[in-house]
Amino acid sequence: MNISESKSVTVPELALIAATRGAIGFGAGLLLADKFKGERRKALGWSLFLSGLASTVPIAMHVFGKKQKHITEH
């Protein structure tokens, strides 16, 4: 697989990718912050972090696994 190969991503796919990145970031932030008390913060933080992380794999497989349509002019 060529990592530098360009891929086209639809707006809904981009939104889904952004949402999972946000969940991971927000979850990690909760784990590191002291805004909530102990167990509640940890439970919410781990839930968001792990759900964002787990959803990344199928999204990445979809985006990087789809075939590009090449338009050729003759």
PDB file of N, CA and C in Angstrom:
ATOM      1  N   MET A   1       0.843  -1.180   0.000  1.00  0.00           N
ATOM      2  CA  MET A   1       0.000   0.000   0.000  1.00  0.00           C
ATOM      3  C   MET A   1       0.887   1.241   0.000  1.00  0.00           C
ATOM      4  N   ASN A   2       0.586   2.143  -0.874  1.00  0.00           N
ATOM      5  CA  ASN A   2       1.334   3.387  -0.986  1.00  0.00           C
ATOM      6  C   ASN A   2       0.652   4.443  -0.122  1.00  0.00           C
ATOM      7  N   ILE A   3       1.292   4.865   0.967  1.00  0.00           N
ATOM      8  CA  ILE A   3       0.698   5.819   1.888  1.00  0.00           C
ATOM      9  C   ILE A   3       0.542   7.196   1.252  1.00  0.00           C
ATOM     10  N   SER A   4       1.427   7.558   0.355  1.00  0.00           N
ATOM     11  CA  SER A   4       1.359   8.881  -0.246  1.00  0.00           C
ATOM     12  C   SER A   4       0.320   8.965  -1.368  1.00  0.00           C
ATOM     13  N   GLU A   5      -0.316   7.852  -1.681  1.00  0.00           N
ATOM     14  CA  GLU A   5      -1.357   7.840  -2.704  1.00  0.00           C
ATOM     15  C   GLU A   5      -2.558   8.658  -2.223  1.00  0.00           C
ATOM     16  N   SER A   6      -3.069   9.523  -3.073  1.00  0.00           N
ATOM     17  CA  SER A   6      -4.189  10.362  -2.660  1.00  0.00           C
ATOM     18  C   SER A   6      -5.488   9.562  -2.672  1.00  0.00           C
ATOM     19  N   LYS A   7      -6.366   9.901  -1.739  1.00  0.00           N
ATOM     20  CA  LYS A   7      -7.672   9.272  -1.615  1.00  0.00           C
ATOM     21  C   LYS A   7      -8.724  10.367  -1.593  1.00  0.00           C
ATOM     22  N   SER A   8      -9.864  10.074  -2.174  1.00  0.00           N
ATOM     23  CA  SER A   8     -10.963  11.028  -2.075  1.00  0.00           C
ATOM     24  C   SER A   8     -11.873  10.573  -0.941  1.00  0.00           C
ATOM     25  N   VAL A   9     -12.337  11.530  -0.161  1.00  0.00           N
ATOM     26  CA  VAL A   9     -13.177  11.249   0.993  1.00  0.00           C
ATOM     27  C   VAL A   9     -14.423  12.105   0.874  1.00  0.00           C
ATOM     28  N   THR A  10     -15.581  11.494   1.089  1.00  0.00           N
ATOM     29  CA  THR A  10     -16.832  12.243   1.024  1.00  0.00           C
ATOM     30  C   THR A  10     -16.998  13.062   2.302  1.00  0.00           C
ATOM     31  N   VAL A  11     -17.890  14.016   2.277  1.00  0.00           N
ATOM     32  CA  VAL A  11     -18.138  14.862   3.444  1.00  0.00           C
ATOM     33  C   VAL A  11     -18.633  14.024   4.635  1.00  0.00           C
ATOM     34  N   PRO A  12     -19.580  13.085   4.448  1.00  0.00           N
ATOM     35  CA  PRO A  12     -19.988  12.263   5.595  1.00  0.00           C
ATOM     36  C   PRO A  12     -18.836  11.418   6.160  1.00  0.00           C
ATOM     37  N   GLU A  13     -17.976  10.909   5.295  1.00  0.00           N
ATOM     38  CA  GLU A  13     -16.821  10.149   5.779  1.00  0.00           C
ATOM     39  C   GLU A  13     -15.887  11.051   6.578  1.00  0.00           C
ATOM     40  N   LEU A  14     -15.682  12.249   6.102  1.00  0.00           N
ATOM     41  CA  LEU A  14     -14.824  13.198   6.801  1.00  0.00           C
ATOM     42  C   LEU A  14     -15.413  13.559   8.161  1.00  0.00           C
ATOM     43  N   ALA A  15     -16.725  13.742   8.212  1.00  0.00           N
ATOM     44  CA  ALA A  15     -17.391  14.048   9.480  1.00  0.00           C
ATOM     45  C   ALA A  15     -17.252  12.887  10.460  1.00  0.00           C
ATOM     46  N   LEU A  16     -17.381  11.668   9.962  1.00  0.00           N
ATOM     47  CA  LEU A  16     -17.239  10.496  10.809  1.00  0.00           C
ATOM     48  C   LEU A  16     -15.818  10.366  11.344  1.00  0.00           C
ATOM     49  N   ILE A  17     -14.844  10.621  10.503  1.00  0.00           N
ATOM     50  CA  ILE A  17     -13.447  10.583  10.926  1.00  0.00           C
ATOM     51  C   ILE A  17     -13.208  11.663  11.985  1.00  0.00           C
ATOM     52  N   ALA A  18     -13.722  12.862  11.756  1.00  0.00           N
ATOM     53  CA  ALA A  18     -13.545  13.951  12.719  1.00  0.00           C
ATOM     54  C   ALA A  18     -14.218  13.629  14.053  1.00  0.00           C
ATOM     55  N   ALA A  19     -15.396  13.017  13.998  1.00  0.00           N
ATOM     56  CA  ALA A  19     -16.105  12.665  15.235  1.00  0.00           C
ATOM     57  C   ALA A  19     -15.327  11.636  16.050  1.00  0.00           C
ATOM     58  N   THR A  20     -14.735  10.649  15.380  1.00  0.00           N
ATOM     59  CA  THR A  20     -13.964   9.651  16.128  1.00  0.00           C
ATOM     60  C   THR A  20     -12.702  10.267  16.710  1.00  0.00           C
ATOM     61  N   ARG A  21     -12.078  11.166  15.966  1.00  0.00           N
ATOM     62  CA  ARG A  21     -10.887  11.856  16.503  1.00  0.00           C
ATOM     63  C   ARG A  21     -11.293  12.695  17.711  1.00  0.00           C
ATOM     64  N   GLY A  22     -12.451  13.327  17.606  1.00  0.00           N
ATOM     65  CA  GLY A  22     -12.945  14.133  18.723  1.00  0.00           C
ATOM     66  C   GLY A  22     -13.239  13.286  19.948  1.00  0.00           C
ATOM     67  N   ALA A  23     -13.838  12.114  19.750  1.00  0.00           N
ATOM     68  CA  ALA A  23     -14.132  11.221  20.878  1.00  0.00           C
ATOM     69  C   ALA A  23     -12.848  10.762  21.556  1.00  0.00           C
ATOM     70  N   ILE A  24     -11.850  10.425  20.761  1.00  0.00           N
ATOM     71  CA  ILE A  24     -10.571  10.005  21.336  1.00  0.00           C
ATOM     72  C   ILE A  24      -9.947  11.162  22.117  1.00  0.00           C
ATOM     73  N   GLY A  25      -9.945  12.342  21.527  1.00  0.00           N
ATOM     74  CA  GLY A  25      -9.366  13.504  22.197  1.00  0.00           C
ATOM     75  C   GLY A  25     -10.115  13.893  23.457  1.00  0.00           C
ATOM     76  N   PHE A  26     -11.427  13.891  23.377  1.00  0.00           N
ATOM     77  CA  PHE A  26     -12.235  14.257  24.537  1.00  0.00           C
ATOM     78  C   PHE A  26     -12.073  13.220  25.643  1.00  0.00           C
ATOM     79  N   GLY A  27     -12.057  11.942  25.244  1.00  0.00           N
ATOM     80  CA  GLY A  27     -11.864  10.877  26.221  1.00  0.00           C
ATOM     81  C   GLY A  27     -10.508  10.976  26.895  1.00  0.00           C
ATOM     82  N   ALA A  28      -9.471  11.212  26.102  1.00  0.00           N
ATOM     83  CA  ALA A  28      -8.126  11.363  26.669  1.00  0.00           C
ATOM     84  C   ALA A  28      -8.064  12.587  27.574  1.00  0.00           C
ATOM     85  N   GLY A  29      -8.735  13.669  27.179  1.00  0.00           N
ATOM     86  CA  GLY A  29      -8.769  14.873  28.009  1.00  0.00           C
ATOM     87  C   GLY A  29      -9.438  14.630  29.349  1.00  0.00           C
ATOM     88  N   LEU A  30     -10.536  13.877  29.340  1.00  0.00           N
ATOM     89  CA  LEU A  30     -11.209  13.551  30.592  1.00  0.00           C
ATOM     90  C   LEU A  30     -10.334  12.680  31.489  1.00  0.00           C
ATOM     91  N   LEU A  31      -9.600  11.792  30.865  1.00  0.00           N
ATOM     92  CA  LEU A  31      -8.716  10.941  31.656  1.00  0.00           C
ATOM     93  C   LEU A  31      -7.611  11.749  32.323  1.00  0.00           C
ATOM     94  N   LEU A  32      -7.204  12.820  31.675  1.00  0.00           N
ATOM     95  CA  LEU A  32      -6.107  13.619  32.202  1.00  0.00           C
ATOM     96  C   LEU A  32      -6.568  14.795  33.064  1.00  0.00           C
ATOM     97  N   ALA A  33      -7.841  15.150  32.976  1.00  0.00           N
ATOM     98  CA  ALA A  33      -8.364  16.318  33.695  1.00  0.00           C
ATOM     99  C   ALA A  33      -8.920  15.922  35.059  1.00  0.00           C
ATOM    100  N   ASP A  34      -9.115  16.917  35.893  1.00  0.00           N
ATOM    101  CA  ASP A  34      -9.689  16.684  37.220  1.00  0.00           C
ATOM    102  C   ASP A  34     -11.040  17.383  37.383  1.00  0.00           C
ATOM    103  N   LYS A  35     -11.776  17.531  36.281  1.00  0.00           N
ATOM    104  CA  LYS A  35     -13.057  18.234  36.334  1.00  0.00           C
ATOM    105  C   LYS A  35     -14.155  17.379  36.956  1.00  0.00           C
ATOM    106  N   PHE A  36     -14.117  16.072  36.740  1.00  0.00           N
ATOM    107  CA  PHE A  36     -15.092  15.162  37.324  1.00  0.00           C
ATOM    108  C   PHE A  36     -14.403  14.376  38.428  1.00  0.00           C
ATOM    109  N   LYS A  37     -15.182  13.849  39.312  1.00  0.00           N
ATOM    110  CA  LYS A  37     -14.614  13.058  40.400  1.00  0.00           C
ATOM    111  C   LYS A  37     -14.243  11.669  39.902  1.00  0.00           C
ATOM    112  N   GLY A  38     -13.127  11.201  40.334  1.00  0.00           N
ATOM    113  CA  GLY A  38     -12.508   9.900  40.093  1.00  0.00           C
ATOM    114  C   GLY A  38     -13.164   8.909  39.170  1.00  0.00           C
ATOM    115  N   GLU A  39     -13.986   8.030  39.696  1.00  0.00           N
ATOM    116  CA  GLU A  39     -14.515   6.902  38.929  1.00  0.00           C
ATOM    117  C   GLU A  39     -15.418   7.325  37.781  1.00  0.00           C
ATOM    118  N   ARG A  40     -16.224   8.342  37.992  1.00  0.00           N
ATOM    119  CA  ARG A  40     -17.128   8.820  36.931  1.00  0.00           C
ATOM    120  C   ARG A  40     -16.321   9.352  35.748  1.00  0.00           C
ATOM    121  N   ARG A  41     -15.310  10.142  36.035  1.00  0.00           N
ATOM    122  CA  ARG A  41     -14.442  10.704  34.995  1.00  0.00           C
ATOM    123  C   ARG A  41     -13.716   9.595  34.247  1.00  0.00           C
ATOM    124  N   LYS A  42     -13.180   8.638  34.981  1.00  0.00           N
ATOM    125  CA  LYS A  42     -12.451   7.539  34.349  1.00  0.00           C
ATOM    126  C   LYS A  42     -13.362   6.695  33.467  1.00  0.00           C
ATOM    127  N   ALA A  43     -14.562   6.403  33.945  1.00  0.00           N
ATOM    128  CA  ALA A  43     -15.498   5.597  33.163  1.00  0.00           C
ATOM    129  C   ALA A  43     -15.879   6.310  31.861  1.00  0.00           C
ATOM    130  N   LEU A  44     -16.217   7.579  31.952  1.00  0.00           N
ATOM    131  CA  LEU A  44     -16.585   8.352  30.766  1.00  0.00           C
ATOM    132  C   LEU A  44     -15.389   8.518  29.836  1.00  0.00           C
ATOM    133  N   GLY A  45     -14.251   8.828  30.395  1.00  0.00           N
ATOM    134  CA  GLY A  45     -13.043   9.012  29.589  1.00  0.00           C
ATOM    135  C   GLY A  45     -12.647   7.746  28.847  1.00  0.00           C
ATOM    136  N   TRP A  46     -12.621   6.627  29.553  1.00  0.00           N
ATOM    137  CA  TRP A  46     -12.259   5.364  28.897  1.00  0.00           C
ATOM    138  C   TRP A  46     -13.295   4.960  27.852  1.00  0.00           C
ATOM    139  N   SER A  47     -14.568   5.193  28.143  1.00  0.00           N
ATOM    140  CA  SER A  47     -15.622   4.855  27.173  1.00  0.00           C
ATOM    141  C   SER A  47     -15.452   5.630  25.874  1.00  0.00           C
ATOM    142  N   LEU A  48     -15.262   6.931  25.983  1.00  0.00           N
ATOM    143  CA  LEU A  48     -15.085   7.758  24.783  1.00  0.00           C
ATOM    144  C   LEU A  48     -13.794   7.412  24.053  1.00  0.00           C
ATOM    145  N   PHE A  49     -12.724   7.271  24.798  1.00  0.00           N
ATOM    146  CA  PHE A  49     -11.426   6.974  24.194  1.00  0.00           C
ATOM    147  C   PHE A  49     -11.464   5.639  23.457  1.00  0.00           C
ATOM    148  N   LEU A  50     -11.960   4.595  24.110  1.00  0.00           N
ATOM    149  CA  LEU A  50     -11.960   3.268  23.498  1.00  0.00           C
ATOM    150  C   LEU A  50     -12.969   3.148  22.357  1.00  0.00           C
ATOM    151  N   SER A  51     -14.123   3.813  22.474  1.00  0.00           N
ATOM    152  CA  SER A  51     -15.086   3.748  21.370  1.00  0.00           C
ATOM    153  C   SER A  51     -14.554   4.493  20.148  1.00  0.00           C
ATOM    154  N   GLY A  52     -13.895   5.613  20.364  1.00  0.00           N
ATOM    155  CA  GLY A  52     -13.272   6.335  19.254  1.00  0.00           C
ATOM    156  C   GLY A  52     -12.163   5.534  18.616  1.00  0.00           C
ATOM    157  N   LEU A  53     -11.354   4.893  19.452  1.00  0.00           N
ATOM    158  CA  LEU A  53     -10.258   4.073  18.957  1.00  0.00           C
ATOM    159  C   LEU A  53     -10.784   2.855  18.194  1.00  0.00           C
ATOM    160  N   ALA A  54     -11.795   2.194  18.745  1.00  0.00           N
ATOM    161  CA  ALA A  54     -12.358   1.001  18.107  1.00  0.00           C
ATOM    162  C   ALA A  54     -13.036   1.327  16.776  1.00  0.00           C
ATOM    163  N   SER A  55     -13.655   2.484  16.688  1.00  0.00           N
ATOM    164  CA  SER A  55     -14.339   2.840  15.440  1.00  0.00           C
ATOM    165  C   SER A  55     -13.364   3.302  14.367  1.00  0.00           C
ATOM    166  N   THR A  56     -12.150   3.613  14.747  1.00  0.00           N
ATOM    167  CA  THR A  56     -11.149   4.063  13.786  1.00  0.00           C
ATOM    168  C   THR A  56     -10.782   2.963  12.799  1.00  0.00           C
ATOM    169  N   VAL A  57     -10.664   1.743  13.268  1.00  0.00           N
ATOM    170  CA  VAL A  57     -10.230   0.632  12.414  1.00  0.00           C
ATOM    171  C   VAL A  57     -11.192   0.399  11.248  1.00  0.00           C
ATOM    172  N   PRO A  58     -12.492   0.206  11.485  1.00  0.00           N
ATOM    173  CA  PRO A  58     -13.384  -0.013  10.334  1.00  0.00           C
ATOM    174  C   PRO A  58     -13.472   1.195   9.399  1.00  0.00           C
ATOM    175  N   ILE A  59     -13.401   2.408   9.959  1.00  0.00           N
ATOM    176  CA  ILE A  59     -13.448   3.600   9.109  1.00  0.00           C
ATOM    177  C   ILE A  59     -12.204   3.665   8.239  1.00  0.00           C
ATOM    178  N   ALA A  60     -11.048   3.413   8.828  1.00  0.00           N
ATOM    179  CA  ALA A  60      -9.799   3.435   8.056  1.00  0.00           C
ATOM    180  C   ALA A  60      -9.816   2.351   6.979  1.00  0.00           C
ATOM    181  N   MET A  61     -10.328   1.175   7.316  1.00  0.00           N
ATOM    182  CA  MET A  61     -10.410   0.100   6.318  1.00  0.00           C
ATOM    183  C   MET A  61     -11.325   0.502   5.167  1.00  0.00           C
ATOM    184  N   HIS A  62     -12.417   1.202   5.497  1.00  0.00           N
ATOM    185  CA  HIS A  62     -13.344   1.648   4.450  1.00  0.00           C
ATOM    186  C   HIS A  62     -12.695   2.697   3.555  1.00  0.00           C
ATOM    187  N   VAL A  63     -12.084   3.701   4.176  1.00  0.00           N
ATOM    188  CA  VAL A  63     -11.513   4.806   3.407  1.00  0.00           C
ATOM    189  C   VAL A  63     -10.321   4.344   2.584  1.00  0.00           C
ATOM    190  N   PHE A  64      -9.409   3.597   3.192  1.00  0.00           N
ATOM    191  CA  PHE A  64      -8.204   3.190   2.479  1.00  0.00           C
ATOM    192  C   PHE A  64      -8.409   1.963   1.608  1.00  0.00           C
ATOM    193  N   GLY A  65      -9.510   1.252   1.809  1.00  0.00           N
ATOM    194  CA  GLY A  65      -9.759   0.052   1.029  1.00  0.00           C
ATOM    195  C   GLY A  65     -10.615   0.278  -0.201  1.00  0.00           C
ATOM    196  N   LYS A  66     -11.272   1.420  -0.282  1.00  0.00           N
ATOM    197  CA  LYS A  66     -12.153   1.630  -1.436  1.00  0.00           C
ATOM    198  C   LYS A  66     -11.339   1.958  -2.676  1.00  0.00           C
ATOM    199  N   LYS A  67     -11.826   1.504  -3.777  1.00  0.00           N
ATOM    200  CA  LYS A  67     -11.156   1.715  -5.053  1.00  0.00           C
ATOM    201  C   LYS A  67     -11.478   3.095  -5.599  1.00  0.00           C
ATOM    202  N   GLN A  68     -10.486   3.709  -6.181  1.00  0.00           N
ATOM    203  CA  GLN A  68     -10.675   5.015  -6.792  1.00  0.00           C
ATOM    204  C   GLN A  68     -11.226   4.835  -8.206  1.00  0.00           C
ATOM    205  N   LYS A  69     -12.167   5.678  -8.557  1.00  0.00           N
ATOM    206  CA  LYS A  69     -12.675   5.691  -9.926  1.00  0.00           C
ATOM    207  C   LYS A  69     -11.817   6.616 -10.746  1.00  0.00           C
ATOM    208  N   HIS A  70     -11.218   6.087 -11.771  1.00  0.00           N
ATOM    209  CA  HIS A  70     -10.375   6.905 -12.630  1.00  0.00           C
ATOM    210  C   HIS A  70     -11.175   7.340 -13.851  1.00  0.00           C
ATOM    211  N   ILE A  71     -11.171   8.611 -14.105  1.00  0.00           N
ATOM    212  CA  ILE A  71     -11.857   9.145 -15.286  1.00  0.00           C
ATOM    213  C   ILE A  71     -10.802   9.353 -16.347  1.00  0.00           C
ATOM    214  N   THR A  72     -10.965   8.660 -17.417  1.00  0.00           N
ATOM    215  CA  THR A  72     -10.003   8.813 -18.504  1.00  0.00           C
ATOM    216  C   THR A  72     -10.697   9.426 -19.703  1.00  0.00           C
ATOM    217  N   GLU A  73     -10.011  10.351 -20.323  1.00  0.00           N
ATOM    218  CA  GLU A  73     -10.534  10.984 -21.526  1.00  0.00           C
ATOM    219  C   GLU A  73      -9.795  10.444 -22.713  1.00  0.00           C
ATOM    220  N   HIS A  74     -10.530  10.087 -23.717  1.00  0.00           N
ATOM    221  CA  HIS A  74      -9.910   9.578 -24.953  1.00  0.00           C
ATOM    222  C   HIS A  74     -10.171  10.516 -26.080  1.00  0.00           C
TER     223      HIS A  74
END
